[in-house]
Amino acid sequence: MNGRLKHWTKVSVTLLLSLVLGTAQATPASAAQAGAPGLPLPPSAGGPRSLPWTIVILLTVLVFLPAIALCMTPFVRLLVVFHFLRQALGTQTVPTNQTLMGLSLFLTYFVMQPVGSEIYRSAVMPLEDNSVSAIQALDLGAKPLRTFMLRFARERDLALFVELAKVPRPRKPEDLSMRVVIPAYILSELRAGFQIGLVLFLPFLVIDLVVASITTSMGMLQLPPVMISTPLKILLFVMVDGWNLVVGSLIKSFY
């Protein structure tokens, strides 16, 4: 039982650290056996790291999971678009924040599942076979995630953080460290989310303007235009199967 627990704990730590510590570089085998500098990991009698220390690392990495979900996945873009859509419909709290976050979370899982499978094949499986060290597995696991983020990070945002970090201009984007890629990816996702939200907002804004103009011209000053425009917007959204169109378009934007 202890051996199986050690095995799956090691797998979990490798998968999580490959997302958080993507800038780690592979070290020679002798250095990997001695442990990372500044982080002495006492080996057990059988060779693997001691289980209590591994659990400490795992619990520490779990703290970063919300940041990983927010900053290194499509979660931000999805959530921004859904909040814009709710404001455009004028429904205020429907769907609720919990509903939108849950939908965004599962759509994020849908989009990131191929990346997670690639991380498992390239980093976790070799670690299970003891063909690579833990540090080498971290570097291998970071590559698919870096490739995904570079697909959607704008060159302008990457150049900004290369300049701010005062690092040499790389020959190719794959040479950039996670220190540069992650914030550039976040900015690019925020921009994309606001662009999509604006496009969704405009048709509903036209309905609001038309309804406000009609009610004002008819002298219905005591009746708020939103009381009429909101049902019309919801009716239009349902008739065109809006959720299917919005979610389908969002998912297709990542492929």
C-alpha atoms as a PDB file:
ATOM      1  CA  MET A   1       0.000   0.000   0.000  1.00  0.00           C
ATOM      2  CA  ASN A   2       2.839   2.406   0.886  1.00  0.00           C
ATOM      3  CA  GLY A   3       4.550   1.688  -2.410  1.00  0.00           C
ATOM      4  CA  ARG A   4       1.398   2.396  -4.400  1.00  0.00           C
ATOM      5  CA  LEU A   5       0.780   5.604  -2.432  1.00  0.00           C
ATOM      6  CA  LYS A   6       4.330   6.739  -3.116  1.00  0.00           C
ATOM      7  CA  HIS A   7       3.892   5.994  -6.821  1.00  0.00           C
ATOM      8  CA  TRP A   8       0.696   8.000  -7.304  1.00  0.00           C
ATOM      9  CA  THR A   9       1.911  10.817  -5.066  1.00  0.00           C
ATOM     10  CA  LYS A  10       5.007  11.109  -7.243  1.00  0.00           C
ATOM     11  CA  VAL A  11       2.839  11.157 -10.370  1.00  0.00           C
ATOM     12  CA  SER A  12       0.599  13.897  -8.942  1.00  0.00           C
ATOM     13  CA  VAL A  13       3.541  16.026  -7.836  1.00  0.00           C
ATOM     14  CA  THR A  14       5.165  15.755 -11.251  1.00  0.00           C
ATOM     15  CA  LEU A  15       1.996  16.716 -13.107  1.00  0.00           C
ATOM     16  CA  LEU A  16       1.308  19.728 -10.900  1.00  0.00           C
ATOM     17  CA  LEU A  17       4.883  20.946 -10.776  1.00  0.00           C
ATOM     18  CA  SER A  18       5.138  20.693 -14.554  1.00  0.00           C
ATOM     19  CA  LEU A  19       2.472  23.404 -14.702  1.00  0.00           C
ATOM     20  CA  VAL A  20       3.836  25.625 -11.943  1.00  0.00           C
ATOM     21  CA  LEU A  21       7.569  25.270 -12.320  1.00  0.00           C
ATOM     22  CA  GLY A  22       7.729  25.187 -16.097  1.00  0.00           C
ATOM     23  CA  THR A  23      10.952  27.163 -16.164  1.00  0.00           C
ATOM     24  CA  ALA A  24      12.912  24.354 -14.543  1.00  0.00           C
ATOM     25  CA  GLN A  25      15.645  23.072 -16.810  1.00  0.00           C
ATOM     26  CA  ALA A  26      16.816  19.508 -17.065  1.00  0.00           C
ATOM     27  CA  THR A  27      19.986  18.777 -15.094  1.00  0.00           C
ATOM     28  CA  PRO A  28      22.561  16.014 -15.487  1.00  0.00           C
ATOM     29  CA  ALA A  29      21.735  12.670 -13.944  1.00  0.00           C
ATOM     30  CA  SER A  30      24.265  13.124 -11.162  1.00  0.00           C
ATOM     31  CA  ALA A  31      22.730  16.452 -10.169  1.00  0.00           C
ATOM     32  CA  ALA A  32      19.238  14.974 -10.267  1.00  0.00           C
ATOM     33  CA  GLN A  33      20.299  12.170  -7.950  1.00  0.00           C
ATOM     34  CA  ALA A  34      21.834  14.637  -5.538  1.00  0.00           C
ATOM     35  CA  GLY A  35      18.655  16.745  -5.501  1.00  0.00           C
ATOM     36  CA  ALA A  36      17.858  20.263  -6.689  1.00  0.00           C
ATOM     37  CA  PRO A  37      20.098  23.047  -5.331  1.00  0.00           C
ATOM     38  CA  GLY A  38      18.611  24.731  -2.314  1.00  0.00           C
ATOM     39  CA  LEU A  39      15.964  22.003  -1.910  1.00  0.00           C
ATOM     40  CA  PRO A  40      17.550  18.943  -0.310  1.00  0.00           C
ATOM     41  CA  LEU A  41      15.195  16.015  -0.705  1.00  0.00           C
ATOM     42  CA  PRO A  42      16.315  13.130   1.521  1.00  0.00           C
ATOM     43  CA  PRO A  43      16.176   9.836  -0.414  1.00  0.00           C
ATOM     44  CA  SER A  44      14.697   6.775   1.198  1.00  0.00           C
ATOM     45  CA  ALA A  45      16.354   3.384   1.360  1.00  0.00           C
ATOM     46  CA  GLY A  46      14.705   2.218  -1.875  1.00  0.00           C
ATOM     47  CA  GLY A  47      15.845   5.236  -3.888  1.00  0.00           C
ATOM     48  CA  PRO A  48      12.657   7.394  -4.212  1.00  0.00           C
ATOM     49  CA  ARG A  49      12.151  10.535  -2.158  1.00  0.00           C
ATOM     50  CA  SER A  50      10.720  10.084   1.313  1.00  0.00           C
ATOM     51  CA  LEU A  51       6.923  10.036   1.441  1.00  0.00           C
ATOM     52  CA  PRO A  52       6.441  12.762   4.126  1.00  0.00           C
ATOM     53  CA  TRP A  53       8.549  15.261   2.163  1.00  0.00           C
ATOM     54  CA  THR A  54       6.685  14.402  -1.031  1.00  0.00           C
ATOM     55  CA  ILE A  55       3.369  15.069   0.676  1.00  0.00           C
ATOM     56  CA  VAL A  56       4.657  18.455   1.866  1.00  0.00           C
ATOM     57  CA  ILE A  57       5.577  19.367  -1.715  1.00  0.00           C
ATOM     58  CA  LEU A  58       2.215  18.138  -3.006  1.00  0.00           C
ATOM     59  CA  LEU A  59       0.256  20.195  -0.467  1.00  0.00           C
ATOM     60  CA  THR A  60       2.366  23.255  -1.296  1.00  0.00           C
ATOM     61  CA  VAL A  61       1.725  22.877  -5.013  1.00  0.00           C
ATOM     62  CA  LEU A  62      -2.022  22.484  -4.411  1.00  0.00           C
ATOM     63  CA  VAL A  63      -2.045  26.086  -3.190  1.00  0.00           C
ATOM     64  CA  PHE A  64      -1.156  27.195  -6.711  1.00  0.00           C
ATOM     65  CA  LEU A  65      -3.971  25.276  -8.413  1.00  0.00           C
ATOM     66  CA  PRO A  66      -6.387  28.278  -8.516  1.00  0.00           C
ATOM     67  CA  ALA A  67      -3.665  30.407 -10.084  1.00  0.00           C
ATOM     68  CA  ILE A  68      -2.966  27.662 -12.636  1.00  0.00           C
ATOM     69  CA  ALA A  69      -6.650  27.390 -13.549  1.00  0.00           C
ATOM     70  CA  LEU A  70      -6.986  31.168 -13.888  1.00  0.00           C
ATOM     71  CA  CYS A  71      -3.753  32.115 -15.585  1.00  0.00           C
ATOM     72  CA  MET A  72      -2.582  29.178 -17.704  1.00  0.00           C
ATOM     73  CA  THR A  73      -5.863  27.934 -19.208  1.00  0.00           C
ATOM     74  CA  PRO A  74      -8.777  29.402 -21.253  1.00  0.00           C
ATOM     75  CA  PHE A  75     -10.750  29.928 -18.020  1.00  0.00           C
ATOM     76  CA  VAL A  76     -10.282  33.714 -18.021  1.00  0.00           C
ATOM     77  CA  ARG A  77     -11.512  34.197 -21.590  1.00  0.00           C
ATOM     78  CA  LEU A  78     -14.564  32.003 -21.027  1.00  0.00           C
ATOM     79  CA  LEU A  79     -15.553  33.688 -17.773  1.00  0.00           C
ATOM     80  CA  VAL A  80     -15.139  37.218 -19.184  1.00  0.00           C
ATOM     81  CA  VAL A  81     -17.321  36.386 -22.195  1.00  0.00           C
ATOM     82  CA  PHE A  82     -20.055  34.835 -20.056  1.00  0.00           C
ATOM     83  CA  HIS A  83     -20.153  37.859 -17.750  1.00  0.00           C
ATOM     84  CA  PHE A  84     -20.410  40.203 -20.749  1.00  0.00           C
ATOM     85  CA  LEU A  85     -23.241  38.067 -22.102  1.00  0.00           C
ATOM     86  CA  ARG A  86     -25.136  38.198 -18.820  1.00  0.00           C
ATOM     87  CA  GLN A  87     -24.786  41.968 -18.636  1.00  0.00           C
ATOM     88  CA  ALA A  88     -25.946  42.294 -22.247  1.00  0.00           C
ATOM     89  CA  LEU A  89     -29.049  40.219 -21.540  1.00  0.00           C
ATOM     90  CA  GLY A  90     -29.792  42.399 -18.523  1.00  0.00           C
ATOM     91  CA  THR A  91     -30.594  39.417 -16.293  1.00  0.00           C
ATOM     92  CA  GLN A  92     -28.263  40.677 -13.524  1.00  0.00           C
ATOM     93  CA  THR A  93     -27.767  37.487 -11.476  1.00  0.00           C
ATOM     94  CA  VAL A  94     -29.097  34.832 -13.862  1.00  0.00           C
ATOM     95  CA  PRO A  95     -27.184  32.620 -14.516  1.00  0.00           C
ATOM     96  CA  THR A  96     -25.524  32.860 -11.107  1.00  0.00           C
ATOM     97  CA  ASN A  97     -21.796  33.370 -10.659  1.00  0.00           C
ATOM     98  CA  GLN A  98     -21.455  29.768  -9.494  1.00  0.00           C
ATOM     99  CA  THR A  99     -23.166  28.515 -12.651  1.00  0.00           C
ATOM    100  CA  LEU A 100     -20.943  30.577 -14.934  1.00  0.00           C
ATOM    101  CA  MET A 101     -17.792  29.532 -13.087  1.00  0.00           C
ATOM    102  CA  GLY A 102     -18.814  25.868 -13.192  1.00  0.00           C
ATOM    103  CA  LEU A 103     -19.542  26.048 -16.926  1.00  0.00           C
ATOM    104  CA  SER A 104     -16.234  27.832 -17.540  1.00  0.00           C
ATOM    105  CA  LEU A 105     -14.379  25.241 -15.468  1.00  0.00           C
ATOM    106  CA  PHE A 106     -15.740  22.238 -17.356  1.00  0.00           C
ATOM    107  CA  LEU A 107     -15.246  23.922 -20.728  1.00  0.00           C
ATOM    108  CA  THR A 108     -11.671  24.611 -19.645  1.00  0.00           C
ATOM    109  CA  TYR A 109     -11.257  20.912 -18.877  1.00  0.00           C
ATOM    110  CA  PHE A 110     -12.683  20.097 -22.323  1.00  0.00           C
ATOM    111  CA  VAL A 111     -10.164  22.363 -24.062  1.00  0.00           C
ATOM    112  CA  MET A 112      -7.158  21.416 -21.910  1.00  0.00           C
ATOM    113  CA  GLN A 113      -7.700  17.648 -21.908  1.00  0.00           C
ATOM    114  CA  PRO A 114      -5.465  17.059 -24.980  1.00  0.00           C
ATOM    115  CA  VAL A 115      -2.731  19.164 -23.358  1.00  0.00           C
ATOM    116  CA  GLY A 116      -3.044  17.182 -20.129  1.00  0.00           C
ATOM    117  CA  SER A 117      -2.809  13.918 -22.085  1.00  0.00           C
ATOM    118  CA  GLU A 118       0.344  15.160 -23.812  1.00  0.00           C
ATOM    119  CA  ILE A 119       1.860  16.096 -20.442  1.00  0.00           C
ATOM    120  CA  TYR A 120       1.043  12.623 -19.152  1.00  0.00           C
ATOM    121  CA  ARG A 121       2.616  10.910 -22.177  1.00  0.00           C
ATOM    122  CA  SER A 122       5.737  13.059 -22.311  1.00  0.00           C
ATOM    123  CA  ALA A 123       6.473  13.514 -18.604  1.00  0.00           C
ATOM    124  CA  VAL A 124       4.495  11.255 -16.284  1.00  0.00           C
ATOM    125  CA  MET A 125       4.879   7.981 -18.171  1.00  0.00           C
ATOM    126  CA  PRO A 126       8.691   8.291 -18.498  1.00  0.00           C
ATOM    127  CA  LEU A 127       8.847   9.125 -14.799  1.00  0.00           C
ATOM    128  CA  GLU A 128       6.812   6.023 -13.997  1.00  0.00           C
ATOM    129  CA  ASP A 129       9.292   3.961 -16.005  1.00  0.00           C
ATOM    130  CA  ASN A 130      12.211   5.640 -14.165  1.00  0.00           C
ATOM    131  CA  SER A 131      13.670   6.639 -17.541  1.00  0.00           C
ATOM    132  CA  VAL A 132      13.913  10.325 -16.560  1.00  0.00           C
ATOM    133  CA  SER A 133      14.526  12.171 -13.318  1.00  0.00           C
ATOM    134  CA  ALA A 134      11.934  14.344 -11.588  1.00  0.00           C
ATOM    135  CA  ILE A 135      13.640  17.544 -12.776  1.00  0.00           C
ATOM    136  CA  GLN A 136      13.736  16.292 -16.350  1.00  0.00           C
ATOM    137  CA  ALA A 137      10.056  15.337 -16.091  1.00  0.00           C
ATOM    138  CA  LEU A 138       9.256  18.899 -15.032  1.00  0.00           C
ATOM    139  CA  ASP A 139      10.922  20.284 -18.117  1.00  0.00           C
ATOM    140  CA  LEU A 140       9.218  17.759 -20.403  1.00  0.00           C
ATOM    141  CA  GLY A 141       5.812  18.437 -18.862  1.00  0.00           C
ATOM    142  CA  ALA A 142       6.148  22.189 -19.286  1.00  0.00           C
ATOM    143  CA  LYS A 143       6.688  22.039 -23.051  1.00  0.00           C
ATOM    144  CA  PRO A 144       3.098  21.129 -24.097  1.00  0.00           C
ATOM    145  CA  LEU A 145       1.682  23.826 -21.815  1.00  0.00           C
ATOM    146  CA  ARG A 146       4.108  26.431 -23.154  1.00  0.00           C
ATOM    147  CA  THR A 147       3.204  25.460 -26.720  1.00  0.00           C
ATOM    148  CA  PHE A 148      -0.501  25.892 -25.957  1.00  0.00           C
ATOM    149  CA  MET A 149      -0.057  29.335 -24.416  1.00  0.00           C
ATOM    150  CA  LEU A 150       2.208  30.525 -27.227  1.00  0.00           C
ATOM    151  CA  ARG A 151      -0.553  29.706 -29.744  1.00  0.00           C
ATOM    152  CA  PHE A 152      -2.778  32.377 -28.203  1.00  0.00           C
ATOM    153  CA  ALA A 153      -0.266  34.871 -26.802  1.00  0.00           C
ATOM    154  CA  ARG A 154       0.126  37.931 -29.014  1.00  0.00           C
ATOM    155  CA  GLU A 155       3.585  38.805 -30.247  1.00  0.00           C
ATOM    156  CA  ARG A 156       3.113  42.344 -28.939  1.00  0.00           C
ATOM    157  CA  ASP A 157       2.431  41.091 -25.406  1.00  0.00           C
ATOM    158  CA  LEU A 158       5.377  38.714 -25.536  1.00  0.00           C
ATOM    159  CA  ALA A 159       7.649  41.541 -26.696  1.00  0.00           C
ATOM    160  CA  LEU A 160       6.409  43.728 -23.835  1.00  0.00           C
ATOM    161  CA  PHE A 161       7.384  41.236 -21.149  1.00  0.00           C
ATOM    162  CA  VAL A 162      10.663  40.370 -22.856  1.00  0.00           C
ATOM    163  CA  GLU A 163      11.490  44.061 -22.645  1.00  0.00           C
ATOM    164  CA  LEU A 164      10.314  44.378 -19.034  1.00  0.00           C
ATOM    165  CA  ALA A 165      12.242  41.270 -17.976  1.00  0.00           C
ATOM    166  CA  LYS A 166      15.379  42.622 -19.706  1.00  0.00           C
ATOM    167  CA  VAL A 167      16.178  39.239 -21.195  1.00  0.00           C
ATOM    168  CA  PRO A 168      17.824  38.686 -24.607  1.00  0.00           C
ATOM    169  CA  ARG A 169      15.434  38.435 -27.530  1.00  0.00           C
ATOM    170  CA  PRO A 170      14.973  34.716 -28.249  1.00  0.00           C
ATOM    171  CA  ARG A 171      15.540  33.171 -31.644  1.00  0.00           C
ATOM    172  CA  LYS A 172      12.119  31.488 -31.529  1.00  0.00           C
ATOM    173  CA  PRO A 173       9.095  31.747 -29.213  1.00  0.00           C
ATOM    174  CA  GLU A 174       9.712  28.267 -27.794  1.00  0.00           C
ATOM    175  CA  ASP A 175      12.873  29.608 -26.146  1.00  0.00           C
ATOM    176  CA  LEU A 176      10.875  31.988 -23.941  1.00  0.00           C
ATOM    177  CA  SER A 177      10.604  31.181 -20.261  1.00  0.00           C
ATOM    178  CA  MET A 178       7.327  30.791 -18.400  1.00  0.00           C
ATOM    179  CA  ARG A 179       8.106  34.076 -16.635  1.00  0.00           C
ATOM    180  CA  VAL A 180       7.427  35.830 -19.949  1.00  0.00           C
ATOM    181  CA  VAL A 181       4.860  33.508 -21.515  1.00  0.00           C
ATOM    182  CA  ILE A 182       2.362  33.375 -18.628  1.00  0.00           C
ATOM    183  CA  PRO A 183       1.692  37.138 -18.174  1.00  0.00           C
ATOM    184  CA  ALA A 184       1.682  37.669 -21.957  1.00  0.00           C
ATOM    185  CA  TYR A 185      -0.867  34.866 -22.318  1.00  0.00           C
ATOM    186  CA  ILE A 186      -3.088  36.401 -19.613  1.00  0.00           C
ATOM    187  CA  LEU A 187      -3.106  39.796 -21.348  1.00  0.00           C
ATOM    188  CA  SER A 188      -3.895  38.190 -24.692  1.00  0.00           C
ATOM    189  CA  GLU A 189      -6.763  36.178 -23.207  1.00  0.00           C
ATOM    190  CA  LEU A 190      -8.230  39.258 -21.521  1.00  0.00           C
ATOM    191  CA  ARG A 191      -8.105  41.153 -24.801  1.00  0.00           C
ATOM    192  CA  ALA A 192      -9.744  38.285 -26.673  1.00  0.00           C
ATOM    193  CA  GLY A 193     -12.442  37.983 -24.010  1.00  0.00           C
ATOM    194  CA  PHE A 194     -13.261  41.693 -24.194  1.00  0.00           C
ATOM    195  CA  GLN A 195     -13.378  41.605 -28.001  1.00  0.00           C
ATOM    196  CA  ILE A 196     -15.806  38.671 -28.042  1.00  0.00           C
ATOM    197  CA  GLY A 197     -17.870  40.242 -25.256  1.00  0.00           C
ATOM    198  CA  LEU A 198     -18.160  43.497 -27.195  1.00  0.00           C
ATOM    199  CA  VAL A 199     -19.388  41.672 -30.303  1.00  0.00           C
ATOM    200  CA  LEU A 200     -22.012  39.878 -28.196  1.00  0.00           C
ATOM    201  CA  PHE A 201     -23.037  43.118 -26.484  1.00  0.00           C
ATOM    202  CA  LEU A 202     -23.782  45.145 -29.632  1.00  0.00           C
ATOM    203  CA  PRO A 203     -26.974  43.355 -30.854  1.00  0.00           C
ATOM    204  CA  PHE A 204     -28.559  43.602 -27.420  1.00  0.00           C
ATOM    205  CA  LEU A 205     -27.529  47.243 -27.169  1.00  0.00           C
ATOM    206  CA  VAL A 206     -29.397  47.924 -30.422  1.00  0.00           C
ATOM    207  CA  ILE A 207     -32.525  46.350 -28.943  1.00  0.00           C
ATOM    208  CA  ASP A 208     -32.213  48.568 -25.858  1.00  0.00           C
ATOM    209  CA  LEU A 209     -31.855  51.696 -28.014  1.00  0.00           C
ATOM    210  CA  VAL A 210     -34.828  50.803 -30.214  1.00  0.00           C
ATOM    211  CA  VAL A 211     -37.084  50.038 -27.258  1.00  0.00           C
ATOM    212  CA  ALA A 212     -36.007  53.218 -25.438  1.00  0.00           C
ATOM    213  CA  SER A 213     -36.701  55.309 -28.552  1.00  0.00           C
ATOM    214  CA  ILE A 214     -40.172  53.799 -29.061  1.00  0.00           C
ATOM    215  CA  THR A 215     -41.261  54.132 -25.436  1.00  0.00           C
ATOM    216  CA  THR A 216     -40.009  57.709 -25.273  1.00  0.00           C
ATOM    217  CA  SER A 217     -41.762  58.709 -28.487  1.00  0.00           C
ATOM    218  CA  MET A 218     -44.997  57.182 -27.205  1.00  0.00           C
ATOM    219  CA  GLY A 219     -44.752  59.171 -23.968  1.00  0.00           C
ATOM    220  CA  MET A 220     -44.347  56.093 -21.783  1.00  0.00           C
ATOM    221  CA  LEU A 221     -41.935  57.914 -19.487  1.00  0.00           C
ATOM    222  CA  GLN A 222     -43.066  56.138 -16.331  1.00  0.00           C
ATOM    223  CA  LEU A 223     -42.269  52.677 -17.732  1.00  0.00           C
ATOM    224  CA  PRO A 224     -38.538  51.830 -17.679  1.00  0.00           C
ATOM    225  CA  PRO A 225     -37.442  50.644 -21.139  1.00  0.00           C
ATOM    226  CA  VAL A 226     -35.561  47.756 -19.545  1.00  0.00           C
ATOM    227  CA  MET A 227     -38.891  46.207 -18.497  1.00  0.00           C
ATOM    228  CA  ILE A 228     -39.713  45.724 -22.184  1.00  0.00           C
ATOM    229  CA  SER A 229     -36.287  45.182 -23.687  1.00  0.00           C
ATOM    230  CA  THR A 230     -35.182  42.437 -21.289  1.00  0.00           C
ATOM    231  CA  PRO A 231     -37.927  39.938 -22.261  1.00  0.00           C
ATOM    232  CA  LEU A 232     -37.310  40.725 -25.922  1.00  0.00           C
ATOM    233  CA  LYS A 233     -33.577  40.069 -25.571  1.00  0.00           C
ATOM    234  CA  ILE A 234     -34.169  36.800 -23.727  1.00  0.00           C
ATOM    235  CA  LEU A 235     -36.720  35.728 -26.354  1.00  0.00           C
ATOM    236  CA  LEU A 236     -34.276  36.504 -29.175  1.00  0.00           C
ATOM    237  CA  PHE A 237     -31.453  34.674 -27.393  1.00  0.00           C
ATOM    238  CA  VAL A 238     -33.572  31.561 -26.839  1.00  0.00           C
ATOM    239  CA  MET A 239     -34.966  31.554 -30.396  1.00  0.00           C
ATOM    240  CA  VAL A 240     -31.503  31.526 -31.977  1.00  0.00           C
ATOM    241  CA  ASP A 241     -30.250  28.887 -29.485  1.00  0.00           C
ATOM    242  CA  GLY A 242     -27.795  31.385 -28.076  1.00  0.00           C
ATOM    243  CA  TRP A 243     -25.985  29.183 -25.576  1.00  0.00           C
ATOM    244  CA  ASN A 244     -25.193  26.618 -28.236  1.00  0.00           C
ATOM    245  CA  LEU A 245     -23.859  29.312 -30.577  1.00  0.00           C
ATOM    246  CA  VAL A 246     -21.801  31.087 -27.915  1.00  0.00           C
ATOM    247  CA  VAL A 247     -20.246  27.979 -26.393  1.00  0.00           C
ATOM    248  CA  GLY A 248     -19.624  26.404 -29.797  1.00  0.00           C
ATOM    249  CA  SER A 249     -17.907  29.535 -31.105  1.00  0.00           C
ATOM    250  CA  LEU A 250     -15.776  29.850 -27.970  1.00  0.00           C
ATOM    251  CA  ILE A 251     -14.568  26.255 -28.131  1.00  0.00           C
ATOM    252  CA  LYS A 252     -13.859  26.517 -31.859  1.00  0.00           C
ATOM    253  CA  SER A 253     -11.704  29.576 -31.212  1.00  0.00           C
ATOM    254  CA  PHE A 254      -9.160  27.284 -29.500  1.00  0.00           C
ATOM    255  CA  TYR A 255      -8.876  24.865 -32.414  1.00  0.00           C
END
